[in-house]
Amino acid sequence: MVVGSTGYIGKFVVKELVRRGFNVTAIARERSGIRGKNSKEETLEMLSGANVCFSDVTNLESLEKSIENLGMSVDVVVSCLASRSGGVKDSWLIDYEATKNSLLAETKKDKGFTYSIVRPTAFFKSLAGQVELVKDGKPYVMFGDGKLCACKPISEPDLASFIADCVLSQELINKILPIGGPGDALTPLEQGEMLFRLAGKEPKFLKVPIQIMDFAIGVLDFLVKIFPSLEDAAEFGKIGRYYAAESMLIWDPETGEYDAEKTPSYGNDTLEEFFKRVLEEGMSGQELGEQTIF
């Protein structure tokens, strides 16, 4: 059973599990996608090969009834749920409550369960927000000198394949599994240089002091006390600050640094190939949703 089956990663996970011959049940909303743009028919087409069950993962009773009506047992739950907005209340409702419901709906029938927690270091699409800017000859925006952080991004198909591996591999159970794509870790500066080179443009960078974000966060935290409606804006600022300055790599407590060498790599798809494709074909299928910063 896959929950979050119509999301950015979920739909690839469903496709990969079906390809490997699993009997897949995909839980989906009747209006799926960003702001519910997909109809029931479009969702069924997207999840072709899987048994599609329309239900509400935020309502445990409703989810339990939906699963019961399927008349089948569930051996594995794969959760690809994630808040679309990243807001405080929405994150709690989806990342916590809905994920918990998905587990409770099945595991309470058993005495226990094994788990695999997959932590991709970065998605390709999360690094593609400035592709159009670069194509238009505008500067690439980065914080500080562009070397404050680094990541090893992984493609959707490669990540889906790794998640599918977790279903049967004894070596991957009861573990937290950071995973990145192939190749070296890349800083924002290196990502920008790659984009300009592939686009055939002269590199132009706009360096934004990270202290500007610290100031903005401080102002928003103060304003939230007066205007509670700004709670999400303050949260987005903190999330943005984290991604701007912290590497999406394994933290080595012994050295007190992020370690690219210790961050596992998986798959074959590279960021360079992805950038080439979106420069030529655009961002179709890679919608950045409601969390877009640039």
Protein backbone atom coordinates (compact mmCIF):
# COMPACT_ATOMS: atom_id res chain seq x y z
CA MET A 1 0.00 0.00 0.00
CA VAL A 2 1.40 3.35 -1.05
CA VAL A 3 0.16 6.58 0.55
CA GLY A 4 1.16 9.89 -0.98
CA SER A 5 0.92 7.97 -4.26
CA THR A 6 0.24 10.96 -6.51
CA GLY A 7 3.02 13.16 -5.15
CA TYR A 8 6.33 14.05 -6.74
CA ILE A 9 8.03 10.82 -5.56
CA GLY A 10 4.95 8.70 -4.85
CA LYS A 11 3.88 8.27 -8.46
CA PHE A 12 7.36 7.01 -9.37
CA VAL A 13 7.32 4.60 -6.43
CA VAL A 14 3.98 3.17 -7.57
CA LYS A 15 5.30 2.77 -11.11
CA GLU A 16 8.48 1.03 -9.90
CA LEU A 17 6.65 -1.35 -7.55
CA VAL A 18 4.20 -2.27 -10.32
CA ARG A 19 7.13 -2.82 -12.71
CA ARG A 20 8.67 -5.24 -10.21
CA GLY A 21 5.49 -7.26 -10.03
CA PHE A 22 4.11 -6.23 -6.64
CA ASN A 23 0.36 -6.10 -6.06
CA VAL A 24 0.12 -2.37 -5.35
CA THR A 25 -2.74 -0.47 -3.76
CA ALA A 26 -2.37 3.29 -4.14
CA ILE A 27 -4.27 5.53 -1.72
CA ALA A 28 -5.21 8.85 -3.33
CA ARG A 29 -7.51 11.82 -2.93
CA GLU A 30 -10.37 12.23 -5.38
CA ARG A 31 -8.77 15.54 -6.41
CA SER A 32 -5.03 14.94 -6.36
CA GLY A 33 -2.01 16.98 -7.31
CA ILE A 34 -1.07 20.58 -6.54
CA ARG A 35 -4.22 22.39 -5.38
CA GLY A 36 -6.28 19.36 -6.42
CA LYS A 37 -5.74 19.92 -10.13
CA ASN A 38 -6.01 16.24 -11.13
CA SER A 39 -9.42 14.64 -11.65
CA LYS A 40 -10.34 11.10 -10.64
CA GLU A 41 -9.81 9.90 -14.20
CA GLU A 42 -6.38 11.56 -14.45
CA THR A 43 -5.35 9.98 -11.16
CA LEU A 44 -6.39 6.52 -12.34
CA GLU A 45 -4.37 7.00 -15.51
CA MET A 46 -1.34 8.25 -13.55
CA LEU A 47 -1.42 5.19 -11.29
CA SER A 48 -2.02 2.68 -14.06
CA GLY A 49 -1.26 -0.90 -12.98
CA ALA A 50 -2.11 -0.28 -9.33
CA ASN A 51 -5.38 -0.75 -7.46
CA VAL A 52 -6.45 2.81 -6.70
CA CYS A 53 -8.34 3.46 -3.47
CA PHE A 54 -9.77 6.94 -2.99
CA SER A 55 -9.67 7.85 0.69
CA ASP A 56 -8.63 10.51 3.20
CA VAL A 57 -5.39 9.71 5.01
CA THR A 58 -6.02 12.51 7.50
CA ASN A 59 -9.05 10.61 8.83
CA LEU A 60 -8.09 7.31 10.48
CA GLU A 61 -11.62 5.91 10.60
CA SER A 62 -12.22 6.70 6.94
CA LEU A 63 -8.87 5.17 5.95
CA GLU A 64 -9.51 1.99 7.94
CA LYS A 65 -12.93 1.54 6.30
CA SER A 66 -11.45 2.09 2.85
CA ILE A 67 -8.76 -0.53 3.43
CA GLU A 68 -11.30 -2.94 4.91
CA ASN A 69 -13.51 -2.55 1.84
CA LEU A 70 -10.59 -3.61 -0.35
CA GLY A 71 -10.89 -7.10 1.13
CA MET A 72 -7.14 -7.73 1.03
CA SER A 73 -4.27 -7.85 3.47
CA VAL A 74 -1.43 -5.34 3.36
CA ASP A 75 2.12 -6.57 3.94
CA VAL A 76 4.01 -3.31 3.44
CA VAL A 77 3.08 0.36 3.81
CA VAL A 78 5.15 2.86 1.83
CA SER A 79 4.56 6.44 2.88
CA CYS A 80 5.51 9.17 0.44
CA LEU A 81 3.32 11.71 2.22
CA ALA A 82 4.57 15.27 2.52
CA SER A 83 2.99 18.62 3.22
CA ARG A 84 2.53 20.54 -0.02
CA SER A 85 2.83 23.96 1.58
CA GLY A 86 5.35 23.31 4.36
CA GLY A 87 3.20 25.43 6.68
CA VAL A 88 3.09 24.64 10.40
CA LYS A 89 -0.47 23.26 10.61
CA ASP A 90 -0.34 21.52 7.24
CA SER A 91 2.98 19.85 8.07
CA TRP A 92 1.56 18.53 11.35
CA LEU A 93 -1.60 17.30 9.62
CA ILE A 94 0.22 15.50 6.78
CA ASP A 95 3.79 14.73 7.83
CA TYR A 96 2.74 13.55 11.28
CA GLU A 97 -1.00 12.79 11.61
CA ALA A 98 -1.61 11.32 8.14
CA THR A 99 1.60 9.29 8.23
CA LYS A 100 0.68 7.95 11.67
CA ASN A 101 -2.81 7.06 10.45
CA SER A 102 -1.36 5.13 7.52
CA LEU A 103 0.75 3.03 9.86
CA LEU A 104 -1.96 2.55 12.50
CA ALA A 105 -4.49 1.44 9.91
CA GLU A 106 -2.33 -1.65 9.31
CA THR A 107 0.18 -2.22 12.09
CA LYS A 108 -2.36 -2.33 14.91
CA LYS A 109 -3.50 -5.64 13.42
CA ASP A 110 -0.01 -7.07 14.04
CA LYS A 111 2.25 -7.40 17.05
CA GLY A 112 5.00 -5.34 15.53
CA PHE A 113 6.65 -4.20 12.34
CA THR A 114 9.99 -3.47 10.73
CA TYR A 115 10.78 -0.14 9.11
CA SER A 116 13.09 1.60 6.68
CA ILE A 117 13.35 5.41 6.88
CA VAL A 118 14.71 6.76 3.60
CA ARG A 119 16.27 10.22 3.67
CA PRO A 120 17.15 11.51 0.19
CA THR A 121 19.71 14.29 0.45
CA ALA A 122 18.05 16.40 -2.26
CA PHE A 123 15.66 16.05 -5.21
CA PHE A 124 16.55 17.20 -8.70
CA LYS A 125 13.51 19.45 -8.90
CA SER A 126 14.44 21.27 -5.69
CA LEU A 127 17.56 22.54 -7.49
CA ALA A 128 15.77 23.58 -10.67
CA GLY A 129 14.03 26.73 -9.46
CA GLN A 130 16.42 29.02 -11.33
CA VAL A 131 16.64 27.24 -14.69
CA GLU A 132 14.37 29.74 -16.45
CA LEU A 133 16.23 32.69 -14.92
CA VAL A 134 19.53 31.39 -16.29
CA LYS A 135 17.97 30.72 -19.72
CA ASP A 136 16.81 34.35 -19.77
CA GLY A 137 20.33 35.56 -19.00
CA LYS A 138 19.53 36.66 -15.46
CA PRO A 139 21.89 36.13 -12.53
CA TYR A 140 21.89 32.95 -10.45
CA VAL A 141 20.97 33.80 -6.87
CA MET A 142 22.98 32.20 -4.05
CA PHE A 143 23.71 32.92 -0.42
CA GLY A 144 27.14 33.96 0.75
CA ASP A 145 29.88 32.75 -1.57
CA GLY A 146 27.77 29.85 -2.82
CA LYS A 147 29.85 27.38 -0.83
CA LEU A 148 27.91 27.39 2.43
CA CYS A 149 26.35 24.01 1.70
CA ALA A 150 26.37 21.05 -0.68
CA CYS A 151 24.19 18.10 -1.62
CA LYS A 152 24.11 14.91 -3.70
CA PRO A 153 20.73 15.11 -5.47
CA ILE A 154 18.94 11.96 -6.62
CA SER A 155 16.42 11.55 -9.43
CA GLU A 156 12.83 10.42 -8.90
CA PRO A 157 13.26 7.05 -10.72
CA ASP A 158 16.50 6.26 -8.86
CA LEU A 159 14.94 7.15 -5.51
CA ALA A 160 11.85 5.08 -6.31
CA SER A 161 14.11 2.14 -7.13
CA PHE A 162 15.93 2.47 -3.80
CA ILE A 163 12.63 2.65 -1.92
CA ALA A 164 11.45 -0.49 -3.75
CA ASP A 165 14.69 -2.22 -2.68
CA CYS A 166 13.69 -1.60 0.93
CA VAL A 167 10.57 -3.75 0.55
CA LEU A 168 12.48 -7.04 0.35
CA SER A 169 16.08 -6.36 1.37
CA GLN A 170 16.91 -7.62 4.86
CA GLU A 171 19.97 -5.36 4.87
CA LEU A 172 17.80 -2.24 4.68
CA ILE A 173 15.28 -2.94 7.45
CA ASN A 174 15.17 -1.18 10.83
CA LYS A 175 17.56 1.51 9.59
CA ILE A 176 17.62 5.21 8.79
CA LEU A 177 18.96 5.41 5.25
CA PRO A 178 20.42 8.66 3.91
CA ILE A 179 20.79 8.35 0.15
CA GLY A 180 22.13 10.57 -2.61
CA GLY A 181 22.59 10.28 -6.35
CA PRO A 182 25.79 9.42 -8.23
CA GLY A 183 28.79 11.72 -8.46
CA ASP A 184 30.33 14.35 -6.23
CA ALA A 185 28.48 16.61 -3.83
CA LEU A 186 27.71 19.97 -5.44
CA THR A 187 27.59 23.44 -3.89
CA PRO A 188 25.12 26.09 -5.15
CA LEU A 189 28.07 27.79 -6.87
CA GLU A 190 28.90 24.59 -8.75
CA GLN A 191 25.26 24.04 -9.64
CA GLY A 192 25.02 27.57 -11.03
CA GLU A 193 28.25 27.21 -13.02
CA MET A 194 26.93 23.96 -14.49
CA LEU A 195 23.66 25.62 -15.51
CA PHE A 196 25.37 28.55 -17.23
CA ARG A 197 27.74 26.22 -19.08
CA LEU A 198 24.90 23.99 -20.31
CA ALA A 199 22.82 27.03 -21.31
CA GLY A 200 25.76 28.59 -23.14
CA LYS A 201 25.50 31.74 -21.05
CA GLU A 202 28.12 33.92 -19.40
CA PRO A 203 28.05 33.16 -15.64
CA LYS A 204 26.43 35.91 -13.55
CA PHE A 205 25.83 35.49 -9.83
CA LEU A 206 23.89 37.50 -7.29
CA LYS A 207 25.39 36.86 -3.85
CA VAL A 208 22.96 37.48 -1.01
CA PRO A 209 24.38 37.78 2.54
CA ILE A 210 22.89 35.07 4.76
CA GLN A 211 22.44 37.71 7.46
CA ILE A 212 19.56 39.15 5.44
CA MET A 213 17.61 35.95 6.08
CA ASP A 214 18.48 36.09 9.78
CA PHE A 215 17.13 39.64 9.96
CA ALA A 216 13.94 38.72 8.09
CA ILE A 217 13.33 35.72 10.36
CA GLY A 218 13.80 37.89 13.43
CA VAL A 219 11.28 40.44 12.14
CA LEU A 220 8.75 37.74 11.26
CA ASP A 221 9.12 36.04 14.66
CA PHE A 222 8.33 39.37 16.30
CA LEU A 223 5.36 40.08 14.02
CA VAL A 224 3.86 36.63 14.60
CA LYS A 225 3.19 37.66 18.23
CA ILE A 226 0.98 40.45 16.89
CA PHE A 227 -0.28 38.83 13.69
CA PRO A 228 -0.62 35.04 14.16
CA SER A 229 -1.53 34.68 10.49
CA LEU A 230 2.17 35.22 9.69
CA GLU A 231 3.11 31.94 11.41
CA ASP A 232 3.65 30.10 8.13
CA ALA A 233 5.70 32.93 6.63
CA ALA A 234 8.02 32.80 9.66
CA GLU A 235 8.29 29.02 9.27
CA PHE A 236 9.12 29.29 5.57
CA GLY A 237 11.88 31.75 6.43
CA LYS A 238 13.44 29.27 8.85
CA ILE A 239 13.17 26.43 6.35
CA GLY A 240 14.76 28.57 3.65
CA ARG A 241 17.55 29.60 6.02
CA TYR A 242 18.27 25.96 6.81
CA TYR A 243 18.51 24.91 3.17
CA ALA A 244 20.61 27.96 2.32
CA ALA A 245 23.30 27.22 4.88
CA GLU A 246 23.18 23.52 5.83
CA SER A 247 24.51 20.73 3.62
CA MET A 248 22.17 17.87 2.74
CA LEU A 249 24.85 15.31 3.57
CA ILE A 250 25.67 12.97 6.44
CA TRP A 251 26.82 14.78 9.57
CA ASP A 252 29.99 13.34 11.11
CA PRO A 253 29.87 14.04 14.87
CA GLU A 254 33.57 13.17 15.21
CA THR A 255 34.76 15.87 12.81
CA GLY A 256 31.83 18.24 13.36
CA GLU A 257 31.37 18.52 9.59
CA TYR A 258 29.15 17.23 6.80
CA ASP A 259 30.83 14.36 4.97
CA ALA A 260 30.20 13.83 1.26
CA GLU A 261 32.28 10.65 1.18
CA LYS A 262 30.15 9.01 3.87
CA THR A 263 26.90 9.98 2.12
CA PRO A 264 25.83 6.90 0.09
CA SER A 265 25.27 7.19 -3.64
CA TYR A 266 22.71 5.27 -5.67
CA GLY A 267 21.50 5.12 -9.25
CA ASN A 268 22.74 6.44 -12.57
CA ASP A 269 20.88 9.70 -13.25
CA THR A 270 23.00 12.84 -12.85
CA LEU A 271 22.04 16.45 -12.16
CA GLU A 272 23.85 17.51 -15.32
CA GLU A 273 21.63 15.25 -17.45
CA PHE A 274 18.57 16.63 -15.66
CA PHE A 275 19.62 20.24 -16.25
CA LYS A 276 20.21 19.48 -19.94
CA ARG A 277 16.72 18.04 -20.26
CA VAL A 278 14.86 20.87 -18.54
CA LEU A 279 16.84 23.49 -20.46
CA GLU A 280 15.65 21.85 -23.69
CA GLU A 281 12.18 20.67 -22.72
CA GLY A 282 11.12 22.90 -19.83
CA MET A 283 9.88 21.92 -16.37
CA SER A 284 6.85 19.85 -17.42
CA GLY A 285 6.20 17.26 -14.72
CA GLN A 286 8.57 19.02 -12.35
CA GLU A 287 6.19 21.59 -10.90
CA LEU A 288 7.73 23.22 -7.84
CA GLY A 289 4.37 23.57 -6.10
CA GLU A 290 3.76 25.93 -3.23
CA GLN A 291 7.26 25.82 -1.73
CA THR A 292 9.00 27.71 -4.53
CA ILE A 293 11.55 30.24 -3.26
CA PHE A 294 13.02 31.57 -6.52
